[in-house]
């Protein structure tokens, strides 16, 4: 029942919000965000705990301000995403501004293949739509398997409608397909600040241990593709902004695992620099650091419940 309700709510969002006048949709998003923030639910409390690591000198009042801005940013993502399918190509092109674009264009022109790795910041779907619309470059990504299956299908259809090739995160075939796309000089875009597998690479992130996906670096090591981190943020305008960070080259020495670990740490450092500059646009409402995950596992074990 809960899964059907969740699927129905997302369907209502894509069906109804896109028909609202834009000012009304923006106002609705802020109202929903503020209501969720005032309830102080699990997601808001986790967001504040995560932001406390990003802004370690922030007191309770500052963290509350950041979490409120963070929920508004998060709801802006959803309101934009619900409306993206009806945006014109011109609207998509003018709603995104990027720094460092020549780095991407040069790498694509060289035919090496490119992996763009992003954290959960601002609206990566809008960034993807801009790549396919403004640059005319198709790309491949992966999507987490959601429940119910109909909800996963909604997300796949939504992103394919924006010009993306979407592969399921689960299963071993995705890596091979991504590698083939890169060897043919293609573009792969991966959200890569939270590990959803058992094969993540441990990194130091804001001074504490966390795990991030091995995929972006492993693909670069195996195929010779260029790995570039990208960070996104909102400003006080309808335009979302992005920065393409310097390419992370494959180290000249070491095993494949050692090379991937070194590259993943550099990716985490790039993410940290962008998140520190725009913490309110990092939509991390889940546990990320190993200390939090270990603590949750111990609590679950002591209470006899499953690990969250």
C-alpha atoms as a PDB file:
ATOM      1  CA  UNK A   1       0.000   0.000   0.000  1.00  0.00           C
ATOM      2  CA  UNK A   2       2.787   2.447   0.919  1.00  0.00           C
ATOM      3  CA  UNK A   3       4.616   1.749  -2.359  1.00  0.00           C
ATOM      4  CA  UNK A   4       1.434   2.317  -4.398  1.00  0.00           C
ATOM      5  CA  UNK A   5       0.826   5.570  -2.530  1.00  0.00           C
ATOM      6  CA  UNK A   6       4.383   6.736  -3.203  1.00  0.00           C
ATOM      7  CA  UNK A   7       4.051   5.927  -6.897  1.00  0.00           C
ATOM      8  CA  UNK A   8       0.716   7.732  -7.025  1.00  0.00           C
ATOM      9  CA  UNK A   9       2.149  10.864  -5.401  1.00  0.00           C
ATOM     10  CA  UNK A  10       5.010  11.044  -7.893  1.00  0.00           C
ATOM     11  CA  UNK A  11       2.557  10.492 -10.725  1.00  0.00           C
ATOM     12  CA  UNK A  12       0.442  13.348  -9.379  1.00  0.00           C
ATOM     13  CA  UNK A  13       3.523  15.568  -9.288  1.00  0.00           C
ATOM     14  CA  UNK A  14       4.449  14.905 -12.902  1.00  0.00           C
ATOM     15  CA  UNK A  15       0.850  15.174 -13.998  1.00  0.00           C
ATOM     16  CA  UNK A  16      -0.302  18.243 -12.044  1.00  0.00           C
ATOM     17  CA  UNK A  17       2.686  20.407 -11.156  1.00  0.00           C
ATOM     18  CA  UNK A  18       3.776  20.806 -14.773  1.00  0.00           C
ATOM     19  CA  UNK A  19       0.387  22.375 -15.530  1.00  0.00           C
ATOM     20  CA  UNK A  20       0.681  25.030 -12.815  1.00  0.00           C
ATOM     21  CA  UNK A  21       1.802  28.556 -13.678  1.00  0.00           C
ATOM     22  CA  UNK A  22       5.466  28.813 -12.761  1.00  0.00           C
ATOM     23  CA  UNK A  23       5.010  31.338  -9.893  1.00  0.00           C
ATOM     24  CA  UNK A  24       2.393  29.050  -8.381  1.00  0.00           C
ATOM     25  CA  UNK A  25       4.681  26.013  -8.669  1.00  0.00           C
ATOM     26  CA  UNK A  26       7.562  27.930  -7.069  1.00  0.00           C
ATOM     27  CA  UNK A  27       5.356  29.085  -4.201  1.00  0.00           C
ATOM     28  CA  UNK A  28       4.012  25.558  -3.687  1.00  0.00           C
ATOM     29  CA  UNK A  29       7.544  24.188  -3.535  1.00  0.00           C
ATOM     30  CA  UNK A  30       8.546  26.694  -0.852  1.00  0.00           C
ATOM     31  CA  UNK A  31       5.433  25.945   1.177  1.00  0.00           C
ATOM     32  CA  UNK A  32       6.072  22.201   1.074  1.00  0.00           C
ATOM     33  CA  UNK A  33       9.732  22.713   1.963  1.00  0.00           C
ATOM     34  CA  UNK A  34       8.962  24.990   4.905  1.00  0.00           C
ATOM     35  CA  UNK A  35       6.279  22.621   6.212  1.00  0.00           C
ATOM     36  CA  UNK A  36       8.690  19.675   6.077  1.00  0.00           C
ATOM     37  CA  UNK A  37      11.393  21.752   7.745  1.00  0.00           C
ATOM     38  CA  UNK A  38       9.078  22.782  10.607  1.00  0.00           C
ATOM     39  CA  UNK A  39       8.095  19.155  11.250  1.00  0.00           C
ATOM     40  CA  UNK A  40      11.746  18.345  12.003  1.00  0.00           C
ATOM     41  CA  UNK A  41      11.407  14.854  10.602  1.00  0.00           C
ATOM     42  CA  UNK A  42      14.158  12.298  10.106  1.00  0.00           C
ATOM     43  CA  UNK A  43      15.311  13.696   6.768  1.00  0.00           C
ATOM     44  CA  UNK A  44      15.644  17.269   8.067  1.00  0.00           C
ATOM     45  CA  UNK A  45      17.531  16.138  11.168  1.00  0.00           C
ATOM     46  CA  UNK A  46      19.879  14.030   9.032  1.00  0.00           C
ATOM     47  CA  UNK A  47      20.437  16.959   6.670  1.00  0.00           C
ATOM     48  CA  UNK A  48      21.419  19.161   9.620  1.00  0.00           C
ATOM     49  CA  UNK A  49      23.741  16.486  10.995  1.00  0.00           C
ATOM     50  CA  UNK A  50      25.439  16.213   7.601  1.00  0.00           C
ATOM     51  CA  UNK A  51      25.691  19.995   7.250  1.00  0.00           C
ATOM     52  CA  UNK A  52      27.306  20.169  10.693  1.00  0.00           C
ATOM     53  CA  UNK A  53      30.301  18.366   9.200  1.00  0.00           C
ATOM     54  CA  UNK A  54      30.369  20.626   6.157  1.00  0.00           C
ATOM     55  CA  UNK A  55      30.161  23.828   8.248  1.00  0.00           C
ATOM     56  CA  UNK A  56      31.793  22.738  11.525  1.00  0.00           C
ATOM     57  CA  UNK A  57      31.779  26.201  13.078  1.00  0.00           C
ATOM     58  CA  UNK A  58      28.036  26.678  12.587  1.00  0.00           C
ATOM     59  CA  UNK A  59      25.897  26.898  15.707  1.00  0.00           C
ATOM     60  CA  UNK A  60      22.324  25.596  16.030  1.00  0.00           C
ATOM     61  CA  UNK A  61      20.792  28.763  14.574  1.00  0.00           C
ATOM     62  CA  UNK A  62      23.062  28.733  11.529  1.00  0.00           C
ATOM     63  CA  UNK A  63      22.453  25.012  10.957  1.00  0.00           C
ATOM     64  CA  UNK A  64      18.707  25.605  11.130  1.00  0.00           C
ATOM     65  CA  UNK A  65      19.025  28.376   8.531  1.00  0.00           C
ATOM     66  CA  UNK A  66      21.063  26.098   6.284  1.00  0.00           C
ATOM     67  CA  UNK A  67      18.663  23.178   6.611  1.00  0.00           C
ATOM     68  CA  UNK A  68      15.693  25.412   5.793  1.00  0.00           C
ATOM     69  CA  UNK A  69      17.499  26.739   2.719  1.00  0.00           C
ATOM     70  CA  UNK A  70      18.484  23.164   1.921  1.00  0.00           C
ATOM     71  CA  UNK A  71      14.884  21.955   1.976  1.00  0.00           C
ATOM     72  CA  UNK A  72      13.861  24.843  -0.264  1.00  0.00           C
ATOM     73  CA  UNK A  73      16.674  23.938  -2.662  1.00  0.00           C
ATOM     74  CA  UNK A  74      15.594  20.298  -2.570  1.00  0.00           C
ATOM     75  CA  UNK A  75      11.993  21.198  -3.376  1.00  0.00           C
ATOM     76  CA  UNK A  76      13.162  23.508  -6.157  1.00  0.00           C
ATOM     77  CA  UNK A  77      14.826  20.443  -7.657  1.00  0.00           C
ATOM     78  CA  UNK A  78      11.545  18.519  -7.534  1.00  0.00           C
ATOM     79  CA  UNK A  79       9.404  21.352  -8.889  1.00  0.00           C
ATOM     80  CA  UNK A  80      11.835  21.874 -11.764  1.00  0.00           C
ATOM     81  CA  UNK A  81      11.985  18.163 -12.439  1.00  0.00           C
ATOM     82  CA  UNK A  82       8.212  17.818 -12.563  1.00  0.00           C
ATOM     83  CA  UNK A  83       8.121  20.683 -15.085  1.00  0.00           C
ATOM     84  CA  UNK A  84      11.198  19.857 -17.181  1.00  0.00           C
ATOM     85  CA  UNK A  85       9.280  17.645 -19.645  1.00  0.00           C
ATOM     86  CA  UNK A  86       7.282  20.684 -20.814  1.00  0.00           C
ATOM     87  CA  UNK A  87      10.176  23.176 -20.893  1.00  0.00           C
ATOM     88  CA  UNK A  88      11.141  24.359 -24.355  1.00  0.00           C
ATOM     89  CA  UNK A  89      14.698  23.764 -25.632  1.00  0.00           C
ATOM     90  CA  UNK A  90      15.289  27.506 -25.346  1.00  0.00           C
ATOM     91  CA  UNK A  91      14.174  27.496 -21.716  1.00  0.00           C
ATOM     92  CA  UNK A  92      16.540  24.640 -20.939  1.00  0.00           C
ATOM     93  CA  UNK A  93      19.444  26.384 -22.680  1.00  0.00           C
ATOM     94  CA  UNK A  94      18.917  29.653 -20.790  1.00  0.00           C
ATOM     95  CA  UNK A  95      18.352  28.052 -17.374  1.00  0.00           C
ATOM     96  CA  UNK A  96      21.884  26.722 -16.966  1.00  0.00           C
ATOM     97  CA  UNK A  97      25.321  28.360 -16.947  1.00  0.00           C
ATOM     98  CA  UNK A  98      28.549  26.409 -16.700  1.00  0.00           C
ATOM     99  CA  UNK A  99      32.169  27.253 -15.959  1.00  0.00           C
ATOM    100  CA  UNK A 100      34.900  25.072 -17.442  1.00  0.00           C
ATOM    101  CA  UNK A 101      32.970  23.928 -20.501  1.00  0.00           C
ATOM    102  CA  UNK A 102      36.091  23.963 -22.738  1.00  0.00           C
ATOM    103  CA  UNK A 103      37.530  21.166 -20.576  1.00  0.00           C
ATOM    104  CA  UNK A 104      34.587  18.948 -21.491  1.00  0.00           C
ATOM    105  CA  UNK A 105      34.536  19.950 -25.154  1.00  0.00           C
ATOM    106  CA  UNK A 106      38.271  19.297 -25.520  1.00  0.00           C
ATOM    107  CA  UNK A 107      38.031  15.861 -23.934  1.00  0.00           C
ATOM    108  CA  UNK A 108      35.058  14.848 -26.087  1.00  0.00           C
ATOM    109  CA  UNK A 109      36.809  16.097 -29.221  1.00  0.00           C
ATOM    110  CA  UNK A 110      39.820  13.917 -28.363  1.00  0.00           C
ATOM    111  CA  UNK A 111      37.565  10.841 -28.533  1.00  0.00           C
ATOM    112  CA  UNK A 112      38.754   9.404 -25.225  1.00  0.00           C
ATOM    113  CA  UNK A 113      35.343   9.242 -23.620  1.00  0.00           C
ATOM    114  CA  UNK A 114      34.393  11.300 -20.568  1.00  0.00           C
ATOM    115  CA  UNK A 115      32.994  10.417 -17.147  1.00  0.00           C
ATOM    116  CA  UNK A 116      31.269  13.342 -15.430  1.00  0.00           C
ATOM    117  CA  UNK A 117      30.848  12.625 -11.706  1.00  0.00           C
ATOM    118  CA  UNK A 118      28.413  14.720  -9.670  1.00  0.00           C
ATOM    119  CA  UNK A 119      27.240  14.908  -6.064  1.00  0.00           C
ATOM    120  CA  UNK A 120      23.575  15.294  -5.091  1.00  0.00           C
ATOM    121  CA  UNK A 121      23.613  19.054  -5.660  1.00  0.00           C
ATOM    122  CA  UNK A 122      20.940  21.343  -7.132  1.00  0.00           C
ATOM    123  CA  UNK A 123      19.342  19.749 -10.224  1.00  0.00           C
ATOM    124  CA  UNK A 124      21.507  17.256 -12.089  1.00  0.00           C
ATOM    125  CA  UNK A 125      18.538  16.369 -14.315  1.00  0.00           C
ATOM    126  CA  UNK A 126      18.471  19.947 -15.607  1.00  0.00           C
ATOM    127  CA  UNK A 127      22.224  19.748 -16.189  1.00  0.00           C
ATOM    128  CA  UNK A 128      21.699  16.541 -18.168  1.00  0.00           C
ATOM    129  CA  UNK A 129      18.903  18.065 -20.210  1.00  0.00           C
ATOM    130  CA  UNK A 130      21.178  21.017 -21.006  1.00  0.00           C
ATOM    131  CA  UNK A 131      23.941  18.676 -22.204  1.00  0.00           C
ATOM    132  CA  UNK A 132      21.616  16.868 -24.606  1.00  0.00           C
ATOM    133  CA  UNK A 133      19.811  20.047 -25.709  1.00  0.00           C
ATOM    134  CA  UNK A 134      22.443  22.814 -25.810  1.00  0.00           C
ATOM    135  CA  UNK A 135      25.486  20.678 -26.642  1.00  0.00           C
ATOM    136  CA  UNK A 136      23.613  18.020 -28.592  1.00  0.00           C
ATOM    137  CA  UNK A 137      25.639  15.315 -26.830  1.00  0.00           C
ATOM    138  CA  UNK A 138      23.820  12.120 -25.772  1.00  0.00           C
ATOM    139  CA  UNK A 139      25.025  10.389 -22.640  1.00  0.00           C
ATOM    140  CA  UNK A 140      24.497   7.310 -20.521  1.00  0.00           C
ATOM    141  CA  UNK A 141      23.699   7.190 -16.824  1.00  0.00           C
ATOM    142  CA  UNK A 142      22.435   4.723 -14.240  1.00  0.00           C
ATOM    143  CA  UNK A 143      19.364   4.826 -11.997  1.00  0.00           C
ATOM    144  CA  UNK A 144      18.798   3.220  -8.629  1.00  0.00           C
ATOM    145  CA  UNK A 145      16.189   0.461  -8.632  1.00  0.00           C
ATOM    146  CA  UNK A 146      13.209   1.954  -6.797  1.00  0.00           C
ATOM    147  CA  UNK A 147      10.149   0.284  -5.339  1.00  0.00           C
ATOM    148  CA  UNK A 148       7.542  -0.153  -6.625  1.00  0.00           C
ATOM    149  CA  UNK A 149       8.813  -1.050 -10.072  1.00  0.00           C
ATOM    150  CA  UNK A 150       6.302   1.370 -11.582  1.00  0.00           C
ATOM    151  CA  UNK A 151       8.052   4.251  -9.809  1.00  0.00           C
ATOM    152  CA  UNK A 152      11.403   3.178 -11.251  1.00  0.00           C
ATOM    153  CA  UNK A 153       9.776   3.019 -14.670  1.00  0.00           C
ATOM    154  CA  UNK A 154       8.495   6.581 -14.207  1.00  0.00           C
ATOM    155  CA  UNK A 155      12.000   7.863 -13.513  1.00  0.00           C
ATOM    156  CA  UNK A 156      13.492   5.975 -16.442  1.00  0.00           C
ATOM    157  CA  UNK A 157      10.823   7.282 -18.820  1.00  0.00           C
ATOM    158  CA  UNK A 158      11.303  10.831 -17.474  1.00  0.00           C
ATOM    159  CA  UNK A 159      15.069  10.805 -17.967  1.00  0.00           C
ATOM    160  CA  UNK A 160      14.905   9.062 -21.329  1.00  0.00           C
ATOM    161  CA  UNK A 161      12.475  11.767 -22.371  1.00  0.00           C
ATOM    162  CA  UNK A 162      15.235  14.297 -21.612  1.00  0.00           C
ATOM    163  CA  UNK A 163      17.598  12.480 -23.982  1.00  0.00           C
ATOM    164  CA  UNK A 164      19.501  10.226 -21.574  1.00  0.00           C
ATOM    165  CA  UNK A 165      20.235   6.514 -21.906  1.00  0.00           C
ATOM    166  CA  UNK A 166      19.370   5.028 -18.499  1.00  0.00           C
ATOM    167  CA  UNK A 167      20.733   1.728 -17.175  1.00  0.00           C
ATOM    168  CA  UNK A 168      19.596   0.010 -13.956  1.00  0.00           C
ATOM    169  CA  UNK A 169      22.061   0.366 -11.085  1.00  0.00           C
ATOM    170  CA  UNK A 170      21.556  -3.213  -9.947  1.00  0.00           C
ATOM    171  CA  UNK A 171      23.210  -6.029 -11.831  1.00  0.00           C
ATOM    172  CA  UNK A 172      26.649  -6.461 -13.328  1.00  0.00           C
ATOM    173  CA  UNK A 173      25.868  -5.497 -16.902  1.00  0.00           C
ATOM    174  CA  UNK A 174      25.772  -1.722 -16.361  1.00  0.00           C
ATOM    175  CA  UNK A 175      29.558  -1.391 -15.929  1.00  0.00           C
ATOM    176  CA  UNK A 176      30.260  -3.236 -19.173  1.00  0.00           C
ATOM    177  CA  UNK A 177      27.790  -1.101 -21.111  1.00  0.00           C
ATOM    178  CA  UNK A 178      29.252   2.099 -19.653  1.00  0.00           C
ATOM    179  CA  UNK A 179      32.762   0.944 -20.587  1.00  0.00           C
ATOM    180  CA  UNK A 180      31.661   0.299 -24.169  1.00  0.00           C
ATOM    181  CA  UNK A 181      30.129   3.759 -24.419  1.00  0.00           C
ATOM    182  CA  UNK A 182      33.357   5.321 -23.187  1.00  0.00           C
ATOM    183  CA  UNK A 183      35.598   3.306 -25.512  1.00  0.00           C
ATOM    184  CA  UNK A 184      33.542   4.640 -28.410  1.00  0.00           C
ATOM    185  CA  UNK A 185      34.252   8.195 -27.245  1.00  0.00           C
ATOM    186  CA  UNK A 186      30.924   8.702 -25.499  1.00  0.00           C
ATOM    187  CA  UNK A 187      29.847  10.565 -22.388  1.00  0.00           C
ATOM    188  CA  UNK A 188      28.822   8.964 -19.087  1.00  0.00           C
ATOM    189  CA  UNK A 189      27.297  10.958 -16.207  1.00  0.00           C
ATOM    190  CA  UNK A 190      27.145   9.442 -12.714  1.00  0.00           C
ATOM    191  CA  UNK A 191      25.915  10.771  -9.366  1.00  0.00           C
ATOM    192  CA  UNK A 192      28.738   9.601  -7.161  1.00  0.00           C
ATOM    193  CA  UNK A 193      28.759  10.967  -3.609  1.00  0.00           C
ATOM    194  CA  UNK A 194      26.893   8.082  -1.932  1.00  0.00           C
ATOM    195  CA  UNK A 195      27.805   4.422  -2.269  1.00  0.00           C
ATOM    196  CA  UNK A 196      24.858   2.107  -2.940  1.00  0.00           C
ATOM    197  CA  UNK A 197      26.909  -1.072  -3.164  1.00  0.00           C
ATOM    198  CA  UNK A 198      29.336  -3.126  -1.110  1.00  0.00           C
ATOM    199  CA  UNK A 199      32.277  -2.170  -3.333  1.00  0.00           C
ATOM    200  CA  UNK A 200      32.650   1.510  -2.466  1.00  0.00           C
ATOM    201  CA  UNK A 201      36.028   3.118  -1.887  1.00  0.00           C
ATOM    202  CA  UNK A 202      36.790   4.672   1.482  1.00  0.00           C
ATOM    203  CA  UNK A 203      37.711   8.354   1.298  1.00  0.00           C
ATOM    204  CA  UNK A 204      38.336  11.204   3.680  1.00  0.00           C
ATOM    205  CA  UNK A 205      35.414  13.590   3.270  1.00  0.00           C
ATOM    206  CA  UNK A 206      35.371  16.762   5.343  1.00  0.00           C
ATOM    207  CA  UNK A 207      37.911  15.099   7.634  1.00  0.00           C
ATOM    208  CA  UNK A 208      35.983  11.877   8.281  1.00  0.00           C
ATOM    209  CA  UNK A 209      35.775   8.474   6.648  1.00  0.00           C
ATOM    210  CA  UNK A 210      33.033   7.880   4.088  1.00  0.00           C
ATOM    211  CA  UNK A 211      32.565   5.571   1.118  1.00  0.00           C
ATOM    212  CA  UNK A 212      31.953   6.703  -2.437  1.00  0.00           C
ATOM    213  CA  UNK A 213      31.235   4.627  -5.535  1.00  0.00           C
ATOM    214  CA  UNK A 214      34.207   3.002  -7.251  1.00  0.00           C
ATOM    215  CA  UNK A 215      32.539   3.195 -10.659  1.00  0.00           C
ATOM    216  CA  UNK A 216      33.670   6.597 -11.990  1.00  0.00           C
ATOM    217  CA  UNK A 217      37.358   6.013 -11.259  1.00  0.00           C
ATOM    218  CA  UNK A 218      37.266   2.327 -12.211  1.00  0.00           C
ATOM    219  CA  UNK A 219      35.755   3.199 -15.592  1.00  0.00           C
ATOM    220  CA  UNK A 220      38.473   5.779 -16.219  1.00  0.00           C
ATOM    221  CA  UNK A 221      41.221   3.333 -15.237  1.00  0.00           C
ATOM    222  CA  UNK A 222      39.834   0.537 -17.409  1.00  0.00           C
ATOM    223  CA  UNK A 223      38.956   2.562 -20.521  1.00  0.00           C
ATOM    224  CA  UNK A 224      41.330   5.531 -20.469  1.00  0.00           C
ATOM    225  CA  UNK A 225      38.368   7.943 -20.295  1.00  0.00           C
ATOM    226  CA  UNK A 226      38.711  11.377 -18.726  1.00  0.00           C
ATOM    227  CA  UNK A 227      37.197  11.704 -15.244  1.00  0.00           C
ATOM    228  CA  UNK A 228      35.829  15.168 -14.421  1.00  0.00           C
ATOM    229  CA  UNK A 229      33.968  16.123 -11.229  1.00  0.00           C
ATOM    230  CA  UNK A 230      31.134  18.637 -11.579  1.00  0.00           C
ATOM    231  CA  UNK A 231      29.444  20.646  -8.821  1.00  0.00           C
ATOM    232  CA  UNK A 232      26.125  22.496  -9.129  1.00  0.00           C
ATOM    233  CA  UNK A 233      24.387  25.269  -7.237  1.00  0.00           C
ATOM    234  CA  UNK A 234      21.505  27.718  -7.304  1.00  0.00           C
ATOM    235  CA  UNK A 235      21.688  31.472  -7.015  1.00  0.00           C
ATOM    236  CA  UNK A 236      18.972  34.086  -6.543  1.00  0.00           C
ATOM    237  CA  UNK A 237      17.861  33.740 -10.141  1.00  0.00           C
ATOM    238  CA  UNK A 238      16.166  31.156 -12.355  1.00  0.00           C
ATOM    239  CA  UNK A 239      19.592  30.126 -13.680  1.00  0.00           C
ATOM    240  CA  UNK A 240      21.380  27.144 -12.144  1.00  0.00           C
ATOM    241  CA  UNK A 241      25.162  27.221 -12.244  1.00  0.00           C
ATOM    242  CA  UNK A 242      27.837  24.549 -12.498  1.00  0.00           C
ATOM    243  CA  UNK A 243      31.582  24.148 -12.424  1.00  0.00           C
ATOM    244  CA  UNK A 244      33.534  21.493 -14.256  1.00  0.00           C
ATOM    245  CA  UNK A 245      36.596  20.787 -12.124  1.00  0.00           C
ATOM    246  CA  UNK A 246      40.016  19.907 -13.510  1.00  0.00           C
ATOM    247  CA  UNK A 247      40.289  16.412 -14.993  1.00  0.00           C
ATOM    248  CA  UNK A 248      41.500  13.664 -12.673  1.00  0.00           C
ATOM    249  CA  UNK A 249      44.184  11.780 -14.552  1.00  0.00           C
ATOM    250  CA  UNK A 250      44.896   8.090 -14.019  1.00  0.00           C
ATOM    251  CA  UNK A 251      48.052   7.723 -11.866  1.00  0.00           C
ATOM    252  CA  UNK A 252      51.080   6.390 -13.676  1.00  0.00           C
ATOM    253  CA  UNK A 253      51.888   3.728 -11.106  1.00  0.00           C
ATOM    254  CA  UNK A 254      50.050   1.326  -8.820  1.00  0.00           C
ATOM    255  CA  UNK A 255      47.528  -1.450  -9.191  1.00  0.00           C
ATOM    256  CA  UNK A 256      44.101  -0.799 -10.686  1.00  0.00           C
ATOM    257  CA  UNK A 257      42.639  -0.697  -7.194  1.00  0.00           C
ATOM    258  CA  UNK A 258      45.254   1.747  -5.957  1.00  0.00           C
ATOM    259  CA  UNK A 259      44.738   3.998  -8.962  1.00  0.00           C
ATOM    260  CA  UNK A 260      40.960   3.968  -8.514  1.00  0.00           C
ATOM    261  CA  UNK A 261      41.326   4.738  -4.792  1.00  0.00           C
ATOM    262  CA  UNK A 262      43.592   7.728  -5.439  1.00  0.00           C
ATOM    263  CA  UNK A 263      41.245   9.075  -8.111  1.00  0.00           C
ATOM    264  CA  UNK A 264      38.168   8.617  -5.939  1.00  0.00           C
ATOM    265  CA  UNK A 265      39.815  10.606  -3.158  1.00  0.00           C
ATOM    266  CA  UNK A 266      40.499  13.437  -5.593  1.00  0.00           C
ATOM    267  CA  UNK A 267      36.879  13.257  -6.740  1.00  0.00           C
ATOM    268  CA  UNK A 268      35.736  13.501  -3.115  1.00  0.00           C
ATOM    269  CA  UNK A 269      38.004  16.524  -2.606  1.00  0.00           C
ATOM    270  CA  UNK A 270      36.440  18.266  -5.620  1.00  0.00           C
ATOM    271  CA  UNK A 271      32.960  17.497  -4.325  1.00  0.00           C
ATOM    272  CA  UNK A 272      33.913  18.866  -0.908  1.00  0.00           C
ATOM    273  CA  UNK A 273      35.146  22.134  -2.364  1.00  0.00           C
ATOM    274  CA  UNK A 274      31.866  22.713  -4.214  1.00  0.00           C
ATOM    275  CA  UNK A 275      29.694  21.621  -1.288  1.00  0.00           C
ATOM    276  CA  UNK A 276      31.596  23.864   1.136  1.00  0.00           C
ATOM    277  CA  UNK A 277      30.922  26.850  -1.121  1.00  0.00           C
ATOM    278  CA  UNK A 278      27.207  26.037  -1.529  1.00  0.00           C
ATOM    279  CA  UNK A 279      26.197  23.771   1.392  1.00  0.00           C
ATOM    280  CA  UNK A 280      22.490  24.600   1.116  1.00  0.00           C
ATOM    281  CA  UNK A 281      22.378  22.999  -2.342  1.00  0.00           C
ATOM    282  CA  UNK A 282      23.713  19.607  -1.229  1.00  0.00           C
ATOM    283  CA  UNK A 283      20.643  17.386  -0.925  1.00  0.00           C
ATOM    284  CA  UNK A 284      22.026  14.670   1.325  1.00  0.00           C
ATOM    285  CA  UNK A 285      19.186  13.571   3.568  1.00  0.00           C
ATOM    286  CA  UNK A 286      20.680  10.120   4.240  1.00  0.00           C
ATOM    287  CA  UNK A 287      23.540   8.786   6.334  1.00  0.00           C
ATOM    288  CA  UNK A 288      26.843   9.072   4.498  1.00  0.00           C
ATOM    289  CA  UNK A 289      29.779   8.935   6.901  1.00  0.00           C
ATOM    290  CA  UNK A 290      30.909   5.552   8.175  1.00  0.00           C
ATOM    291  CA  UNK A 291      30.579   6.603  11.804  1.00  0.00           C
ATOM    292  CA  UNK A 292      26.863   7.296  11.287  1.00  0.00           C
ATOM    293  CA  UNK A 293      26.326   4.071   9.348  1.00  0.00           C
ATOM    294  CA  UNK A 294      28.135   2.016  11.999  1.00  0.00           C
ATOM    295  CA  UNK A 295      26.122   3.662  14.771  1.00  0.00           C
ATOM    296  CA  UNK A 296      22.852   2.933  12.958  1.00  0.00           C
ATOM    297  CA  UNK A 297      23.898  -0.687  12.430  1.00  0.00           C
ATOM    298  CA  UNK A 298      24.709  -1.098  16.136  1.00  0.00           C
ATOM    299  CA  UNK A 299      21.350   0.359  17.132  1.00  0.00           C
ATOM    300  CA  UNK A 300      19.538  -1.934  14.707  1.00  0.00           C
ATOM    301  CA  UNK A 301      21.408  -4.964  16.009  1.00  0.00           C
ATOM    302  CA  UNK A 302      20.700  -4.118  19.638  1.00  0.00           C
ATOM    303  CA  UNK A 303      16.988  -3.587  18.941  1.00  0.00           C
ATOM    304  CA  UNK A 304      16.670  -6.703  16.777  1.00  0.00           C
ATOM    305  CA  UNK A 305      15.623  -4.754  13.693  1.00  0.00           C
ATOM    306  CA  UNK A 306      17.090  -4.810  10.225  1.00  0.00           C
ATOM    307  CA  UNK A 307      19.921  -2.494   9.308  1.00  0.00           C
ATOM    308  CA  UNK A 308      18.478   0.729   7.801  1.00  0.00           C
END
